Amino acid sequence: MTGFQAIILVCLNSVPSDRCTEETATDILSKHVETELGCASGWQEVIGRSAQAYEIGSDSYVRTICRRSRDGGSSGREAEDGR
């Protein structure tokens, strides 16, 4: 099965959006999605069920990175960057 990994970065509001990376994020979550469009919308459910749900917007924000999965379930860190 092929697809994409939505890498969900949670960054503090003090971090400019162009500097919100895996190195500067306060938390990194991921979710397998079937399409690149899923990367843009798949994060809401993940964040909504997490401890950060009430912090988003007040002191932090979310940025997603979409990476092609090689086997559909691997970590996005192993796949090509699809930005």
PDB file of N, CA and C in Angstrom:
ATOM      1  N   MET A   1       0.852  -1.180   0.000  1.00  0.00           N
ATOM      2  CA  MET A   1       0.000   0.000   0.000  1.00  0.00           C
ATOM      3  C   MET A   1       0.891   1.234   0.000  1.00  0.00           C
ATOM      4  N   THR A   2       0.605   2.161  -0.888  1.00  0.00           N
ATOM      5  CA  THR A   2       1.347   3.411  -0.911  1.00  0.00           C
ATOM      6  C   THR A   2       0.476   4.507  -0.340  1.00  0.00           C
ATOM      7  N   GLY A   3       1.071   5.608  -0.076  1.00  0.00           N
ATOM      8  CA  GLY A   3       0.350   6.737   0.475  1.00  0.00           C
ATOM      9  C   GLY A   3       1.335   7.769   0.944  1.00  0.00           C
ATOM     10  N   PHE A   4       0.933   8.534   1.938  1.00  0.00           N
ATOM     11  CA  PHE A   4       1.746   9.628   2.436  1.00  0.00           C
ATOM     12  C   PHE A   4       1.737   9.626   3.956  1.00  0.00           C
ATOM     13  N   GLN A   5       2.764  10.203   4.536  1.00  0.00           N
ATOM     14  CA  GLN A   5       2.818  10.463   5.972  1.00  0.00           C
ATOM     15  C   GLN A   5       2.613  11.963   6.157  1.00  0.00           C
ATOM     16  N   ALA A   6       1.626  12.316   6.930  1.00  0.00           N
ATOM     17  CA  ALA A   6       1.441  13.710   7.329  1.00  0.00           C
ATOM     18  C   ALA A   6       2.247  13.886   8.603  1.00  0.00           C
ATOM     19  N   ILE A   7       3.323  14.638   8.530  1.00  0.00           N
ATOM     20  CA  ILE A   7       4.153  14.935   9.689  1.00  0.00           C
ATOM     21  C   ILE A   7       3.588  16.223  10.284  1.00  0.00           C
ATOM     22  N   ILE A   8       3.109  16.151  11.507  1.00  0.00           N
ATOM     23  CA  ILE A   8       2.405  17.263  12.143  1.00  0.00           C
ATOM     24  C   ILE A   8       3.335  17.893  13.168  1.00  0.00           C
ATOM     25  N   LEU A   9       3.758  19.122  12.891  1.00  0.00           N
ATOM     26  CA  LEU A   9       4.668  19.837  13.775  1.00  0.00           C
ATOM     27  C   LEU A   9       3.871  20.811  14.623  1.00  0.00           C
ATOM     28  N   VAL A  10       4.100  20.812  15.925  1.00  0.00           N
ATOM     29  CA  VAL A  10       3.490  21.783  16.834  1.00  0.00           C
ATOM     30  C   VAL A  10       4.605  22.733  17.241  1.00  0.00           C
ATOM     31  N   CYS A  11       4.469  24.007  16.870  1.00  0.00           N
ATOM     32  CA  CYS A  11       5.496  25.005  17.156  1.00  0.00           C
ATOM     33  C   CYS A  11       4.918  26.142  17.984  1.00  0.00           C
ATOM     34  N   LEU A  12       5.753  26.723  18.815  1.00  0.00           N
ATOM     35  CA  LEU A  12       5.349  27.867  19.613  1.00  0.00           C
ATOM     36  C   LEU A  12       5.106  29.079  18.716  1.00  0.00           C
ATOM     37  N   ASN A  13       4.195  29.946  19.117  1.00  0.00           N
ATOM     38  CA  ASN A  13       3.900  31.153  18.342  1.00  0.00           C
ATOM     39  C   ASN A  13       5.135  32.030  18.153  1.00  0.00           C
ATOM     40  N   SER A  14       6.108  31.930  19.042  1.00  0.00           N
ATOM     41  CA  SER A  14       7.329  32.732  18.937  1.00  0.00           C
ATOM     42  C   SER A  14       8.264  32.245  17.826  1.00  0.00           C
ATOM     43  N   VAL A  15       8.000  31.067  17.268  1.00  0.00           N
ATOM     44  CA  VAL A  15       8.814  30.517  16.173  1.00  0.00           C
ATOM     45  C   VAL A  15       8.176  30.917  14.845  1.00  0.00           C
ATOM     46  N   PRO A  16       8.904  31.658  13.983  1.00  0.00           N
ATOM     47  CA  PRO A  16       8.347  32.015  12.671  1.00  0.00           C
ATOM     48  C   PRO A  16       7.975  30.757  11.882  1.00  0.00           C
ATOM     49  N   SER A  17       6.924  30.827  11.099  1.00  0.00           N
ATOM     50  CA  SER A  17       6.438  29.639  10.390  1.00  0.00           C
ATOM     51  C   SER A  17       7.480  29.033   9.460  1.00  0.00           C
ATOM     52  N   ASP A  18       8.360  29.847   8.880  1.00  0.00           N
ATOM     53  CA  ASP A  18       9.385  29.286   8.000  1.00  0.00           C
ATOM     54  C   ASP A  18      10.503  28.593   8.785  1.00  0.00           C
ATOM     55  N   ARG A  19      10.506  28.750  10.098  1.00  0.00           N
ATOM     56  CA  ARG A  19      11.504  28.091  10.946  1.00  0.00           C
ATOM     57  C   ARG A  19      10.900  26.955  11.780  1.00  0.00           C
ATOM     58  N   CYS A  20       9.644  26.671  11.556  1.00  0.00           N
ATOM     59  CA  CYS A  20       8.983  25.563  12.243  1.00  0.00           C
ATOM     60  C   CYS A  20       9.392  24.279  11.526  1.00  0.00           C
ATOM     61  N   THR A  21      10.322  23.558  12.125  1.00  0.00           N
ATOM     62  CA  THR A  21      10.871  22.334  11.547  1.00  0.00           C
ATOM     63  C   THR A  21      10.816  21.221  12.586  1.00  0.00           C
ATOM     64  N   GLU A  22      11.240  20.054  12.202  1.00  0.00           N
ATOM     65  CA  GLU A  22      11.291  18.943  13.144  1.00  0.00           C
ATOM     66  C   GLU A  22      12.261  19.228  14.291  1.00  0.00           C
ATOM     67  N   GLU A  23      13.234  20.081  14.050  1.00  0.00           N
ATOM     68  CA  GLU A  23      14.200  20.434  15.089  1.00  0.00           C
ATOM     69  C   GLU A  23      13.647  21.476  16.066  1.00  0.00           C
ATOM     70  N   THR A  24      12.758  22.370  15.616  1.00  0.00           N
ATOM     71  CA  THR A  24      12.257  23.446  16.477  1.00  0.00           C
ATOM     72  C   THR A  24      10.871  23.171  17.056  1.00  0.00           C
ATOM     73  N   ALA A  25      10.208  22.141  16.590  1.00  0.00           N
ATOM     74  CA  ALA A  25       8.855  21.832  17.064  1.00  0.00           C
ATOM     75  C   ALA A  25       8.878  21.358  18.511  1.00  0.00           C
ATOM     76  N   THR A  26       7.845  21.714  19.262  1.00  0.00           N
ATOM     77  CA  THR A  26       7.723  21.237  20.638  1.00  0.00           C
ATOM     78  C   THR A  26       7.162  19.820  20.672  1.00  0.00           C
ATOM     79  N   ASP A  27       6.482  19.429  19.601  1.00  0.00           N
ATOM     80  CA  ASP A  27       5.954  18.069  19.497  1.00  0.00           C
ATOM     81  C   ASP A  27       5.844  17.704  18.029  1.00  0.00           C
ATOM     82  N   ILE A  28       6.019  16.437  17.726  1.00  0.00           N
ATOM     83  CA  ILE A  28       5.901  15.929  16.359  1.00  0.00           C
ATOM     84  C   ILE A  28       4.990  14.717  16.402  1.00  0.00           C
ATOM     85  N   LEU A  29       3.951  14.763  15.603  1.00  0.00           N
ATOM     86  CA  LEU A  29       3.014  13.651  15.479  1.00  0.00           C
ATOM     87  C   LEU A  29       2.975  13.264  14.012  1.00  0.00           C
ATOM     88  N   SER A  30       2.466  12.082  13.697  1.00  0.00           N
ATOM     89  CA  SER A  30       2.334  11.711  12.295  1.00  0.00           C
ATOM     90  C   SER A  30       1.110  10.836  12.100  1.00  0.00           C
ATOM     91  N   LYS A  31       0.650  10.828  10.856  1.00  0.00           N
ATOM     92  CA  LYS A  31      -0.527  10.046  10.503  1.00  0.00           C
ATOM     93  C   LYS A  31      -0.394   9.608   9.057  1.00  0.00           C
ATOM     94  N   HIS A  32      -0.701   8.354   8.796  1.00  0.00           N
ATOM     95  CA  HIS A  32      -0.714   7.866   7.415  1.00  0.00           C
ATOM     96  C   HIS A  32      -1.991   8.354   6.744  1.00  0.00           C
ATOM     97  N   VAL A  33      -1.851   8.901   5.538  1.00  0.00           N
ATOM     98  CA  VAL A  33      -2.997   9.341   4.744  1.00  0.00           C
ATOM     99  C   VAL A  33      -2.836   8.795   3.332  1.00  0.00           C
ATOM    100  N   GLU A  34      -3.928   8.697   2.619  1.00  0.00           N
ATOM    101  CA  GLU A  34      -3.905   8.105   1.283  1.00  0.00           C
ATOM    102  C   GLU A  34      -3.456   9.080   0.193  1.00  0.00           C
ATOM    103  N   THR A  35      -3.751  10.376   0.365  1.00  0.00           N
ATOM    104  CA  THR A  35      -3.451  11.362  -0.672  1.00  0.00           C
ATOM    105  C   THR A  35      -2.745  12.571  -0.066  1.00  0.00           C
ATOM    106  N   GLU A  36      -2.156  13.394  -0.932  1.00  0.00           N
ATOM    107  CA  GLU A  36      -1.531  14.627  -0.458  1.00  0.00           C
ATOM    108  C   GLU A  36      -2.566  15.558   0.173  1.00  0.00           C
ATOM    109  N   LEU A  37      -3.774  15.536  -0.321  1.00  0.00           N
ATOM    110  CA  LEU A  37      -4.837  16.347   0.276  1.00  0.00           C
ATOM    111  C   LEU A  37      -5.074  15.933   1.725  1.00  0.00           C
ATOM    112  N   GLY A  38      -4.940  14.662   2.016  1.00  0.00           N
ATOM    113  CA  GLY A  38      -5.087  14.175   3.381  1.00  0.00           C
ATOM    114  C   GLY A  38      -4.061  14.776   4.323  1.00  0.00           C
ATOM    115  N   CYS A  39      -2.894  15.154   3.805  1.00  0.00           N
ATOM    116  CA  CYS A  39      -1.878  15.802   4.634  1.00  0.00           C
ATOM    117  C   CYS A  39      -2.373  17.160   5.131  1.00  0.00           C
ATOM    118  N   ALA A  40      -3.144  17.834   4.307  1.00  0.00           N
ATOM    119  CA  ALA A  40      -3.635  19.161   4.677  1.00  0.00           C
ATOM    120  C   ALA A  40      -4.791  19.087   5.660  1.00  0.00           C
ATOM    121  N   SER A  41      -5.542  18.006   5.634  1.00  0.00           N
ATOM    122  CA  SER A  41      -6.715  17.936   6.506  1.00  0.00           C
ATOM    123  C   SER A  41      -6.626  16.840   7.568  1.00  0.00           C
ATOM    124  N   GLY A  42      -5.691  15.924   7.445  1.00  0.00           N
ATOM    125  CA  GLY A  42      -5.611  14.796   8.366  1.00  0.00           C
ATOM    126  C   GLY A  42      -5.150  15.151   9.767  1.00  0.00           C
ATOM    127  N   TRP A  43      -4.564  16.317   9.948  1.00  0.00           N
ATOM    128  CA  TRP A  43      -4.008  16.672  11.250  1.00  0.00           C
ATOM    129  C   TRP A  43      -5.070  17.048  12.275  1.00  0.00           C
ATOM    130  N   GLN A  44      -6.250  17.500  11.843  1.00  0.00           N
ATOM    131  CA  GLN A  44      -7.265  17.968  12.794  1.00  0.00           C
ATOM    132  C   GLN A  44      -7.660  16.880  13.793  1.00  0.00           C
ATOM    133  N   GLU A  45      -7.882  15.675  13.301  1.00  0.00           N
ATOM    134  CA  GLU A  45      -8.277  14.577  14.190  1.00  0.00           C
ATOM    135  C   GLU A  45      -7.148  14.225  15.157  1.00  0.00           C
ATOM    136  N   VAL A  46      -5.926  14.189  14.651  1.00  0.00           N
ATOM    137  CA  VAL A  46      -4.782  13.839  15.491  1.00  0.00           C
ATOM    138  C   VAL A  46      -4.600  14.864  16.606  1.00  0.00           C
ATOM    139  N   ILE A  47      -4.623  16.136  16.257  1.00  0.00           N
ATOM    140  CA  ILE A  47      -4.461  17.198  17.257  1.00  0.00           C
ATOM    141  C   ILE A  47      -5.663  17.242  18.196  1.00  0.00           C
ATOM    142  N   GLY A  48      -6.849  17.054  17.667  1.00  0.00           N
ATOM    143  CA  GLY A  48      -8.056  17.090  18.486  1.00  0.00           C
ATOM    144  C   GLY A  48      -8.074  16.046  19.585  1.00  0.00           C
ATOM    145  N   ARG A  49      -7.381  14.940  19.365  1.00  0.00           N
ATOM    146  CA  ARG A  49      -7.334  13.862  20.361  1.00  0.00           C
ATOM    147  C   ARG A  49      -6.085  13.937  21.239  1.00  0.00           C
ATOM    148  N   SER A  50      -5.264  14.947  21.024  1.00  0.00           N
ATOM    149  CA  SER A  50      -4.004  15.034  21.766  1.00  0.00           C
ATOM    150  C   SER A  50      -4.097  16.018  22.934  1.00  0.00           C
ATOM    151  N   ALA A  51      -3.066  16.010  23.743  1.00  0.00           N
ATOM    152  CA  ALA A  51      -2.996  16.923  24.885  1.00  0.00           C
ATOM    153  C   ALA A  51      -2.860  18.378  24.438  1.00  0.00           C
ATOM    154  N   GLN A  52      -2.393  18.615  23.219  1.00  0.00           N
ATOM    155  CA  GLN A  52      -2.192  19.974  22.717  1.00  0.00           C
ATOM    156  C   GLN A  52      -3.461  20.619  22.175  1.00  0.00           C
ATOM    157  N   ALA A  53      -4.553  19.927  22.165  1.00  0.00           N
ATOM    158  CA  ALA A  53      -5.780  20.416  21.520  1.00  0.00           C
ATOM    159  C   ALA A  53      -6.177  21.818  21.963  1.00  0.00           C
ATOM    160  N   TYR A  54      -6.021  22.118  23.239  1.00  0.00           N
ATOM    161  CA  TYR A  54      -6.467  23.421  23.740  1.00  0.00           C
ATOM    162  C   TYR A  54      -5.375  24.483  23.675  1.00  0.00           C
ATOM    163  N   GLU A  55      -4.158  24.089  23.356  1.00  0.00           N
ATOM    164  CA  GLU A  55      -3.055  25.044  23.251  1.00  0.00           C
ATOM    165  C   GLU A  55      -2.939  25.641  21.858  1.00  0.00           C
ATOM    166  N   ILE A  56      -3.387  24.901  20.854  1.00  0.00           N
ATOM    167  CA  ILE A  56      -3.269  25.369  19.475  1.00  0.00           C
ATOM    168  C   ILE A  56      -4.076  26.648  19.318  1.00  0.00           C
ATOM    169  N   GLY A  57      -3.408  27.677  18.826  1.00  0.00           N
ATOM    170  CA  GLY A  57      -4.057  28.967  18.626  1.00  0.00           C
ATOM    171  C   GLY A  57      -3.763  29.958  19.734  1.00  0.00           C
ATOM    172  N   SER A  58      -3.568  29.466  20.952  1.00  0.00           N
ATOM    173  CA  SER A  58      -3.279  30.393  22.047  1.00  0.00           C
ATOM    174  C   SER A  58      -1.778  30.601  22.229  1.00  0.00           C
ATOM    175  N   ASP A  59      -0.999  29.520  22.278  1.00  0.00           N
ATOM    176  CA  ASP A  59       0.449  29.684  22.422  1.00  0.00           C
ATOM    177  C   ASP A  59       1.261  28.867  21.425  1.00  0.00           C
ATOM    178  N   SER A  60       0.573  28.133  20.545  1.00  0.00           N
ATOM    179  CA  SER A  60       1.267  27.338  19.540  1.00  0.00           C
ATOM    180  C   SER A  60       0.404  27.196  18.291  1.00  0.00           C
ATOM    181  N   TYR A  61       1.029  26.692  17.235  1.00  0.00           N
ATOM    182  CA  TYR A  61       0.327  26.481  15.967  1.00  0.00           C
ATOM    183  C   TYR A  61       0.803  25.180  15.336  1.00  0.00           C
ATOM    184  N   VAL A  62       0.125  24.761  14.290  1.00  0.00           N
ATOM    185  CA  VAL A  62       0.415  23.492  13.622  1.00  0.00           C
ATOM    186  C   VAL A  62       0.918  23.761  12.210  1.00  0.00           C
ATOM    187  N   ARG A  63       1.924  23.015  11.828  1.00  0.00           N
ATOM    188  CA  ARG A  63       2.413  23.014  10.447  1.00  0.00           C
ATOM    189  C   ARG A  63       2.518  21.554  10.036  1.00  0.00           C
ATOM    190  N   THR A  64       2.105  21.237   8.820  1.00  0.00           N
ATOM    191  CA  THR A  64       2.212  19.851   8.355  1.00  0.00           C
ATOM    192  C   THR A  64       3.195  19.749   7.195  1.00  0.00           C
ATOM    193  N   ILE A  65       3.875  18.630   7.155  1.00  0.00           N
ATOM    194  CA  ILE A  65       4.781  18.288   6.059  1.00  0.00           C
ATOM    195  C   ILE A  65       4.262  16.977   5.489  1.00  0.00           C
ATOM    196  N   CYS A  66       4.182  16.896   4.175  1.00  0.00           N
ATOM    197  CA  CYS A  66       3.680  15.687   3.524  1.00  0.00           C
ATOM    198  C   CYS A  66       4.854  14.938   2.894  1.00  0.00           C
ATOM    199  N   ARG A  67       4.994  13.668   3.253  1.00  0.00           N
ATOM    200  CA  ARG A  67       6.058  12.832   2.697  1.00  0.00           C
ATOM    201  C   ARG A  67       5.465  11.557   2.140  1.00  0.00           C
ATOM    202  N   ARG A  68       5.973  11.159   1.004  1.00  0.00           N
ATOM    203  CA  ARG A  68       5.514   9.909   0.390  1.00  0.00           C
ATOM    204  C   ARG A  68       6.019   8.735   1.217  1.00  0.00           C
ATOM    205  N   SER A  69       5.135   7.815   1.539  1.00  0.00           N
ATOM    206  CA  SER A  69       5.509   6.605   2.279  1.00  0.00           C
ATOM    207  C   SER A  69       5.965   5.548   1.295  1.00  0.00           C
ATOM    208  N   ARG A  70       6.969   4.833   1.659  1.00  0.00           N
ATOM    209  CA  ARG A  70       7.456   3.758   0.789  1.00  0.00           C
ATOM    210  C   ARG A  70       6.592   2.523   0.899  1.00  0.00           C
ATOM    211  N   ASP A  71       6.130   2.222   2.129  1.00  0.00           N
ATOM    212  CA  ASP A  71       5.325   1.017   2.311  1.00  0.00           C
ATOM    213  C   ASP A  71       3.954   1.320   2.892  1.00  0.00           C
ATOM    214  N   GLY A  72       3.617   2.609   3.000  1.00  0.00           N
ATOM    215  CA  GLY A  72       2.300   2.976   3.490  1.00  0.00           C
ATOM    216  C   GLY A  72       2.185   3.051   4.988  1.00  0.00           C
ATOM    217  N   GLY A  73       3.180   2.576   5.725  1.00  0.00           N
ATOM    218  CA  GLY A  73       3.075   2.613   7.167  1.00  0.00           C
ATOM    219  C   GLY A  73       4.378   2.971   7.848  1.00  0.00           C
ATOM    220  N   SER A  74       5.401   3.270   7.062  1.00  0.00           N
ATOM    221  CA  SER A  74       6.689   3.579   7.663  1.00  0.00           C
ATOM    222  C   SER A  74       6.709   4.993   8.207  1.00  0.00           C
ATOM    223  N   SER A  75       7.701   5.258   9.015  1.00  0.00           N
ATOM    224  CA  SER A  75       7.890   6.604   9.539  1.00  0.00           C
ATOM    225  C   SER A  75       8.203   7.546   8.393  1.00  0.00           C
ATOM    226  N   GLY A  76       7.657   8.731   8.420  1.00  0.00           N
ATOM    227  CA  GLY A  76       7.904   9.724   7.380  1.00  0.00           C
ATOM    228  C   GLY A  76       9.352  10.138   7.288  1.00  0.00           C
ATOM    229  N   ARG A  77      10.136   9.917   8.344  1.00  0.00           N
ATOM    230  CA  ARG A  77      11.542  10.295   8.339  1.00  0.00           C
ATOM    231  C   ARG A  77      12.338   9.488   7.322  1.00  0.00           C
ATOM    232  N   GLU A  78      11.823   8.338   6.902  1.00  0.00           N
ATOM    233  CA  GLU A  78      12.536   7.489   5.960  1.00  0.00           C
ATOM    234  C   GLU A  78      12.153   7.783   4.512  1.00  0.00           C
ATOM    235  N   ALA A  79      11.115   8.540   4.309  1.00  0.00           N
ATOM    236  CA  ALA A  79      10.613   8.770   2.956  1.00  0.00           C
ATOM    237  C   ALA A  79      11.107  10.094   2.392  1.00  0.00           C
ATOM    238  N   GLU A  80      10.891  10.267   1.104  1.00  0.00           N
ATOM    239  CA  GLU A  80      11.275  11.503   0.463  1.00  0.00           C
ATOM    240  C   GLU A  80      10.404  12.649   0.934  1.00  0.00           C
ATOM    241  N   ASP A  81      10.989  13.831   1.009  1.00  0.00           N
ATOM    242  CA  ASP A  81      10.245  15.019   1.385  1.00  0.00           C
ATOM    243  C   ASP A  81       9.376  15.435   0.204  1.00  0.00           C
ATOM    244  N   GLY A  82       8.078  15.536   0.408  1.00  0.00           N
ATOM    245  CA  GLY A  82       7.150  15.845  -0.669  1.00  0.00           C
ATOM    246  C   GLY A  82       6.636  17.261  -0.640  1.00  0.00           C
ATOM    247  N   ARG A  83       7.345  18.186   0.007  1.00  0.00           N
ATOM    248  CA  ARG A  83       6.859  19.571   0.098  1.00  0.00           C
ATOM    249  C   ARG A  83       6.767  20.218  -1.240  1.00  0.00           C
TER     250      ARG A  83
END
